[in-house]
Amino acid sequence: MKDNDDNLNLVDDSDHIPRGEPWKILIVDDEPEVHDITTVALSNFTFANCGIEFIHAYSGAEATKIVDETDGIAVMLVDVVMEHDHAGLDFVRYVREVAKCKFVRIILRTG
């Protein structure tokens, strides 16, 4: 018998995001092509009968401003290397430690 640790358990904590509105996905990357292909790849995606609203930031500094001004971001797709080698990691640290965004899902990406 396999160990239960191999099972993937999804937890729906979407109560922290207003229902009926599109899911906000913040794309943080300094390459416009990454924004374009991500938008194309996810444009028809829905979850819980809600579509997606894409928010675009082309630097860690721009993403920080967006986080400060925007409520309800569900997912952040963050490039690690932008203005400098760890700009994305600095942004993630800001999100978790300064802005105290506990529920947003952060996906780190790098080329």
N, C-alpha and C. Protein backbone atom coordinates (compact mmCIF):
# COMPACT_ATOMS: atom_id res chain seq x y z
N MET A 1 0.84 -1.17 0.00
CA MET A 1 0.00 0.00 0.00
C MET A 1 0.89 1.24 0.00
N LYS A 2 0.52 2.21 -0.84
CA LYS A 2 1.29 3.44 -0.94
C LYS A 2 1.03 4.36 0.24
N ASP A 3 2.05 5.11 0.58
CA ASP A 3 1.94 6.09 1.64
C ASP A 3 1.03 7.24 1.20
N ASN A 4 0.20 7.74 2.08
CA ASN A 4 -0.73 8.81 1.75
C ASN A 4 -0.05 10.14 1.43
N ASP A 5 1.23 10.27 1.75
CA ASP A 5 1.94 11.51 1.45
C ASP A 5 2.08 11.73 -0.05
N ASP A 6 1.86 10.68 -0.86
CA ASP A 6 1.95 10.82 -2.31
C ASP A 6 0.69 11.41 -2.92
N ASN A 7 -0.37 11.55 -2.15
CA ASN A 7 -1.62 12.09 -2.66
C ASN A 7 -1.59 13.60 -2.69
N LEU A 8 -2.21 14.16 -3.70
CA LEU A 8 -2.33 15.60 -3.81
C LEU A 8 -3.68 16.01 -3.26
N ASN A 9 -3.68 16.83 -2.26
CA ASN A 9 -4.91 17.31 -1.65
C ASN A 9 -5.07 18.80 -1.95
N LEU A 10 -6.14 19.14 -2.61
CA LEU A 10 -6.43 20.54 -2.91
C LEU A 10 -7.36 21.09 -1.85
N VAL A 11 -7.03 22.25 -1.36
CA VAL A 11 -7.84 22.90 -0.34
C VAL A 11 -8.46 24.13 -0.97
N ASP A 12 -9.76 24.23 -0.88
CA ASP A 12 -10.46 25.39 -1.44
C ASP A 12 -10.59 26.44 -0.35
N ASP A 13 -9.67 27.41 -0.37
CA ASP A 13 -9.77 28.52 0.57
C ASP A 13 -10.16 29.79 -0.18
N SER A 14 -10.94 29.61 -1.24
CA SER A 14 -11.34 30.72 -2.09
C SER A 14 -12.33 31.66 -1.42
N ASP A 15 -12.72 31.36 -0.18
CA ASP A 15 -13.61 32.27 0.55
C ASP A 15 -12.94 33.62 0.78
N HIS A 16 -11.64 33.70 0.61
CA HIS A 16 -10.91 34.93 0.82
C HIS A 16 -10.97 35.85 -0.40
N ILE A 17 -11.53 35.35 -1.50
CA ILE A 17 -11.68 36.12 -2.72
C ILE A 17 -13.17 36.28 -2.99
N PRO A 18 -13.61 37.51 -3.28
CA PRO A 18 -15.05 37.69 -3.54
C PRO A 18 -15.53 36.83 -4.70
N ARG A 19 -16.64 36.13 -4.52
CA ARG A 19 -17.21 35.26 -5.56
C ARG A 19 -17.93 36.11 -6.61
N GLY A 20 -18.04 35.53 -7.80
CA GLY A 20 -18.73 36.20 -8.89
C GLY A 20 -17.84 37.14 -9.67
N GLU A 21 -16.70 37.47 -9.14
CA GLU A 21 -15.75 38.34 -9.82
C GLU A 21 -14.67 37.47 -10.46
N PRO A 22 -14.01 37.98 -11.48
CA PRO A 22 -12.93 37.19 -12.07
C PRO A 22 -11.77 37.03 -11.07
N TRP A 23 -11.04 35.92 -11.22
CA TRP A 23 -9.85 35.70 -10.41
C TRP A 23 -8.76 36.63 -10.92
N LYS A 24 -8.14 37.36 -10.03
CA LYS A 24 -7.07 38.28 -10.42
C LYS A 24 -5.74 37.54 -10.41
N ILE A 25 -5.07 37.56 -11.56
CA ILE A 25 -3.75 36.96 -11.69
C ILE A 25 -2.76 38.07 -12.04
N LEU A 26 -1.77 38.25 -11.19
CA LEU A 26 -0.72 39.23 -11.42
C LEU A 26 0.45 38.55 -12.10
N ILE A 27 0.79 39.03 -13.29
CA ILE A 27 1.96 38.54 -14.02
C ILE A 27 3.07 39.56 -13.82
N VAL A 28 4.18 39.10 -13.22
CA VAL A 28 5.32 39.98 -12.94
C VAL A 28 6.51 39.46 -13.73
N ASP A 29 6.85 40.15 -14.80
CA ASP A 29 7.95 39.72 -15.66
C ASP A 29 8.39 40.90 -16.50
N ASP A 30 9.69 41.03 -16.73
CA ASP A 30 10.19 42.16 -17.51
C ASP A 30 10.16 41.91 -19.02
N GLU A 31 9.73 40.73 -19.43
CA GLU A 31 9.65 40.41 -20.86
C GLU A 31 8.19 40.42 -21.33
N PRO A 32 7.83 41.34 -22.22
CA PRO A 32 6.45 41.41 -22.71
C PRO A 32 5.95 40.11 -23.33
N GLU A 33 6.86 39.34 -23.95
CA GLU A 33 6.46 38.08 -24.57
C GLU A 33 5.92 37.09 -23.54
N VAL A 34 6.47 37.11 -22.34
CA VAL A 34 5.99 36.21 -21.29
C VAL A 34 4.57 36.59 -20.89
N HIS A 35 4.28 37.88 -20.82
CA HIS A 35 2.92 38.34 -20.54
C HIS A 35 1.98 37.87 -21.64
N ASP A 36 2.42 38.03 -22.88
CA ASP A 36 1.57 37.67 -24.02
C ASP A 36 1.23 36.18 -24.03
N ILE A 37 2.22 35.33 -23.89
CA ILE A 37 1.97 33.89 -23.99
C ILE A 37 1.18 33.39 -22.78
N THR A 38 1.43 33.96 -21.62
CA THR A 38 0.67 33.57 -20.42
C THR A 38 -0.80 33.94 -20.59
N THR A 39 -1.04 35.12 -21.10
CA THR A 39 -2.41 35.57 -21.32
C THR A 39 -3.12 34.67 -22.33
N VAL A 40 -2.44 34.32 -23.42
CA VAL A 40 -3.03 33.45 -24.43
C VAL A 40 -3.31 32.06 -23.84
N ALA A 41 -2.35 31.53 -23.10
CA ALA A 41 -2.48 30.17 -22.57
C ALA A 41 -3.61 30.05 -21.55
N LEU A 42 -3.87 31.11 -20.79
CA LEU A 42 -4.86 31.04 -19.71
C LEU A 42 -6.16 31.81 -20.01
N SER A 43 -6.29 32.36 -21.20
CA SER A 43 -7.42 33.25 -21.48
C SER A 43 -8.79 32.57 -21.37
N ASN A 44 -8.88 31.28 -21.63
CA ASN A 44 -10.17 30.58 -21.55
C ASN A 44 -10.35 29.79 -20.26
N PHE A 45 -9.43 29.95 -19.32
CA PHE A 45 -9.49 29.20 -18.06
C PHE A 45 -10.55 29.78 -17.13
N THR A 46 -11.30 28.90 -16.50
CA THR A 46 -12.25 29.32 -15.47
C THR A 46 -12.08 28.41 -14.25
N PHE A 47 -12.42 28.95 -13.10
CA PHE A 47 -12.43 28.19 -11.86
C PHE A 47 -13.61 28.67 -11.04
N ALA A 48 -14.40 27.75 -10.55
CA ALA A 48 -15.60 28.08 -9.77
C ALA A 48 -16.50 29.05 -10.56
N ASN A 49 -16.62 28.77 -11.85
CA ASN A 49 -17.45 29.57 -12.76
C ASN A 49 -17.02 31.03 -12.88
N CYS A 50 -15.77 31.31 -12.62
CA CYS A 50 -15.26 32.67 -12.76
C CYS A 50 -14.07 32.66 -13.71
N GLY A 51 -13.99 33.68 -14.54
CA GLY A 51 -12.87 33.82 -15.46
C GLY A 51 -11.67 34.45 -14.78
N ILE A 52 -10.78 34.99 -15.60
CA ILE A 52 -9.53 35.57 -15.11
C ILE A 52 -9.41 37.01 -15.53
N GLU A 53 -8.92 37.83 -14.61
CA GLU A 53 -8.53 39.20 -14.91
C GLU A 53 -7.01 39.25 -14.78
N PHE A 54 -6.32 39.59 -15.86
CA PHE A 54 -4.87 39.66 -15.82
C PHE A 54 -4.43 41.07 -15.43
N ILE A 55 -3.47 41.13 -14.52
CA ILE A 55 -2.85 42.38 -14.12
C ILE A 55 -1.38 42.24 -14.46
N HIS A 56 -0.81 43.26 -15.08
CA HIS A 56 0.55 43.16 -15.60
C HIS A 56 1.50 44.12 -14.89
N ALA A 57 2.64 43.59 -14.47
CA ALA A 57 3.73 44.38 -13.91
C ALA A 57 5.01 43.96 -14.61
N TYR A 58 5.83 44.93 -14.97
CA TYR A 58 7.05 44.65 -15.74
C TYR A 58 8.33 44.84 -14.92
N SER A 59 8.15 45.02 -13.61
CA SER A 59 9.30 45.13 -12.69
C SER A 59 8.81 44.82 -11.29
N GLY A 60 9.75 44.54 -10.41
CA GLY A 60 9.40 44.32 -9.02
C GLY A 60 8.80 45.56 -8.39
N ALA A 61 9.34 46.71 -8.74
CA ALA A 61 8.83 47.98 -8.19
C ALA A 61 7.39 48.22 -8.63
N GLU A 62 7.09 47.98 -9.90
CA GLU A 62 5.73 48.14 -10.40
C GLU A 62 4.79 47.14 -9.73
N ALA A 63 5.24 45.92 -9.52
CA ALA A 63 4.43 44.90 -8.86
C ALA A 63 4.14 45.28 -7.41
N THR A 64 5.11 45.85 -6.73
CA THR A 64 4.92 46.30 -5.35
C THR A 64 3.81 47.34 -5.28
N LYS A 65 3.83 48.28 -6.20
CA LYS A 65 2.79 49.32 -6.23
C LYS A 65 1.42 48.70 -6.48
N ILE A 66 1.34 47.75 -7.38
CA ILE A 66 0.07 47.08 -7.68
C ILE A 66 -0.46 46.35 -6.45
N VAL A 67 0.42 45.65 -5.74
CA VAL A 67 0.00 44.93 -4.52
C VAL A 67 -0.55 45.91 -3.50
N ASP A 68 0.08 47.06 -3.37
CA ASP A 68 -0.38 48.07 -2.41
C ASP A 68 -1.73 48.66 -2.78
N GLU A 69 -2.07 48.65 -4.07
CA GLU A 69 -3.29 49.32 -4.53
C GLU A 69 -4.41 48.36 -4.93
N THR A 70 -4.16 47.05 -4.93
CA THR A 70 -5.13 46.10 -5.47
C THR A 70 -5.46 45.02 -4.46
N ASP A 71 -6.74 44.86 -4.17
CA ASP A 71 -7.20 43.80 -3.28
C ASP A 71 -7.59 42.57 -4.09
N GLY A 72 -7.50 41.41 -3.45
CA GLY A 72 -8.06 40.19 -4.02
C GLY A 72 -7.26 39.52 -5.10
N ILE A 73 -5.95 39.74 -5.15
CA ILE A 73 -5.13 39.01 -6.12
C ILE A 73 -5.07 37.56 -5.66
N ALA A 74 -5.44 36.65 -6.54
CA ALA A 74 -5.49 35.23 -6.19
C ALA A 74 -4.17 34.52 -6.45
N VAL A 75 -3.50 34.86 -7.57
CA VAL A 75 -2.28 34.19 -7.98
C VAL A 75 -1.30 35.21 -8.52
N MET A 76 -0.02 35.00 -8.20
CA MET A 76 1.05 35.83 -8.75
C MET A 76 2.03 34.91 -9.47
N LEU A 77 2.28 35.20 -10.73
CA LEU A 77 3.29 34.50 -11.52
C LEU A 77 4.49 35.44 -11.60
N VAL A 78 5.57 35.10 -10.91
CA VAL A 78 6.66 36.05 -10.68
C VAL A 78 7.98 35.53 -11.27
N ASP A 79 8.57 36.33 -12.14
CA ASP A 79 9.90 36.04 -12.65
C ASP A 79 10.91 36.36 -11.55
N VAL A 80 11.91 35.52 -11.37
CA VAL A 80 12.91 35.74 -10.33
C VAL A 80 13.87 36.85 -10.74
N VAL A 81 14.34 36.82 -11.99
CA VAL A 81 15.36 37.76 -12.46
C VAL A 81 14.70 38.84 -13.30
N MET A 82 14.71 40.07 -12.78
CA MET A 82 14.18 41.21 -13.54
C MET A 82 15.19 42.36 -13.46
N GLU A 83 14.93 43.39 -12.65
CA GLU A 83 15.87 44.51 -12.54
C GLU A 83 17.25 44.06 -12.09
N HIS A 84 17.28 43.04 -11.25
CA HIS A 84 18.52 42.43 -10.81
C HIS A 84 18.28 40.95 -10.56
N ASP A 85 19.30 40.23 -10.19
CA ASP A 85 19.25 38.76 -10.12
C ASP A 85 18.20 38.19 -9.18
N HIS A 86 17.75 38.95 -8.20
CA HIS A 86 16.78 38.43 -7.24
C HIS A 86 15.63 39.40 -7.00
N ALA A 87 15.31 40.20 -8.00
CA ALA A 87 14.21 41.17 -7.87
C ALA A 87 12.90 40.47 -7.55
N GLY A 88 12.64 39.34 -8.19
CA GLY A 88 11.40 38.61 -7.93
C GLY A 88 11.34 38.09 -6.50
N LEU A 89 12.46 37.61 -5.99
CA LEU A 89 12.50 37.12 -4.61
C LEU A 89 12.31 38.26 -3.62
N ASP A 90 12.88 39.42 -3.94
CA ASP A 90 12.66 40.60 -3.09
C ASP A 90 11.18 40.98 -3.08
N PHE A 91 10.56 40.91 -4.24
CA PHE A 91 9.12 41.22 -4.32
C PHE A 91 8.30 40.24 -3.49
N VAL A 92 8.61 38.95 -3.59
CA VAL A 92 7.89 37.94 -2.81
C VAL A 92 8.06 38.20 -1.31
N ARG A 93 9.26 38.55 -0.89
CA ARG A 93 9.50 38.86 0.51
C ARG A 93 8.62 40.04 0.93
N TYR A 94 8.51 41.05 0.07
CA TYR A 94 7.64 42.19 0.36
C TYR A 94 6.19 41.74 0.52
N VAL A 95 5.72 40.92 -0.40
CA VAL A 95 4.33 40.45 -0.38
C VAL A 95 4.02 39.74 0.94
N ARG A 96 4.90 38.85 1.35
CA ARG A 96 4.66 38.04 2.55
C ARG A 96 4.93 38.79 3.85
N GLU A 97 6.04 39.53 3.91
CA GLU A 97 6.48 40.11 5.18
C GLU A 97 5.99 41.54 5.42
N VAL A 98 5.88 42.34 4.39
CA VAL A 98 5.48 43.73 4.56
C VAL A 98 3.98 43.90 4.28
N ALA A 99 3.55 43.46 3.11
CA ALA A 99 2.13 43.61 2.74
C ALA A 99 1.25 42.60 3.48
N LYS A 100 1.86 41.57 4.05
CA LYS A 100 1.15 40.55 4.84
C LYS A 100 0.05 39.85 4.04
N CYS A 101 0.31 39.60 2.76
CA CYS A 101 -0.62 38.85 1.92
C CYS A 101 -0.40 37.36 2.15
N LYS A 102 -1.25 36.76 2.97
CA LYS A 102 -1.07 35.37 3.37
C LYS A 102 -1.72 34.38 2.41
N PHE A 103 -2.77 34.79 1.73
CA PHE A 103 -3.57 33.83 0.98
C PHE A 103 -3.25 33.76 -0.50
N VAL A 104 -2.55 34.73 -1.03
CA VAL A 104 -2.23 34.72 -2.46
C VAL A 104 -1.26 33.58 -2.76
N ARG A 105 -1.49 32.89 -3.86
CA ARG A 105 -0.61 31.83 -4.33
C ARG A 105 0.47 32.47 -5.18
N ILE A 106 1.73 32.15 -4.88
CA ILE A 106 2.85 32.73 -5.62
C ILE A 106 3.58 31.60 -6.36
N ILE A 107 3.72 31.78 -7.65
CA ILE A 107 4.44 30.82 -8.49
C ILE A 107 5.66 31.54 -9.05
N LEU A 108 6.86 31.06 -8.69
CA LEU A 108 8.09 31.64 -9.19
C LEU A 108 8.45 31.02 -10.52
N ARG A 109 8.88 31.88 -11.44
CA ARG A 109 9.31 31.40 -12.76
C ARG A 109 10.66 32.03 -13.08
N THR A 110 11.43 31.33 -13.87
CA THR A 110 12.70 31.89 -14.33
C THR A 110 13.09 31.21 -15.64
N GLY A 111 13.83 31.94 -16.45
CA GLY A 111 14.26 31.41 -17.74
C GLY A 111 15.53 30.66 -17.55
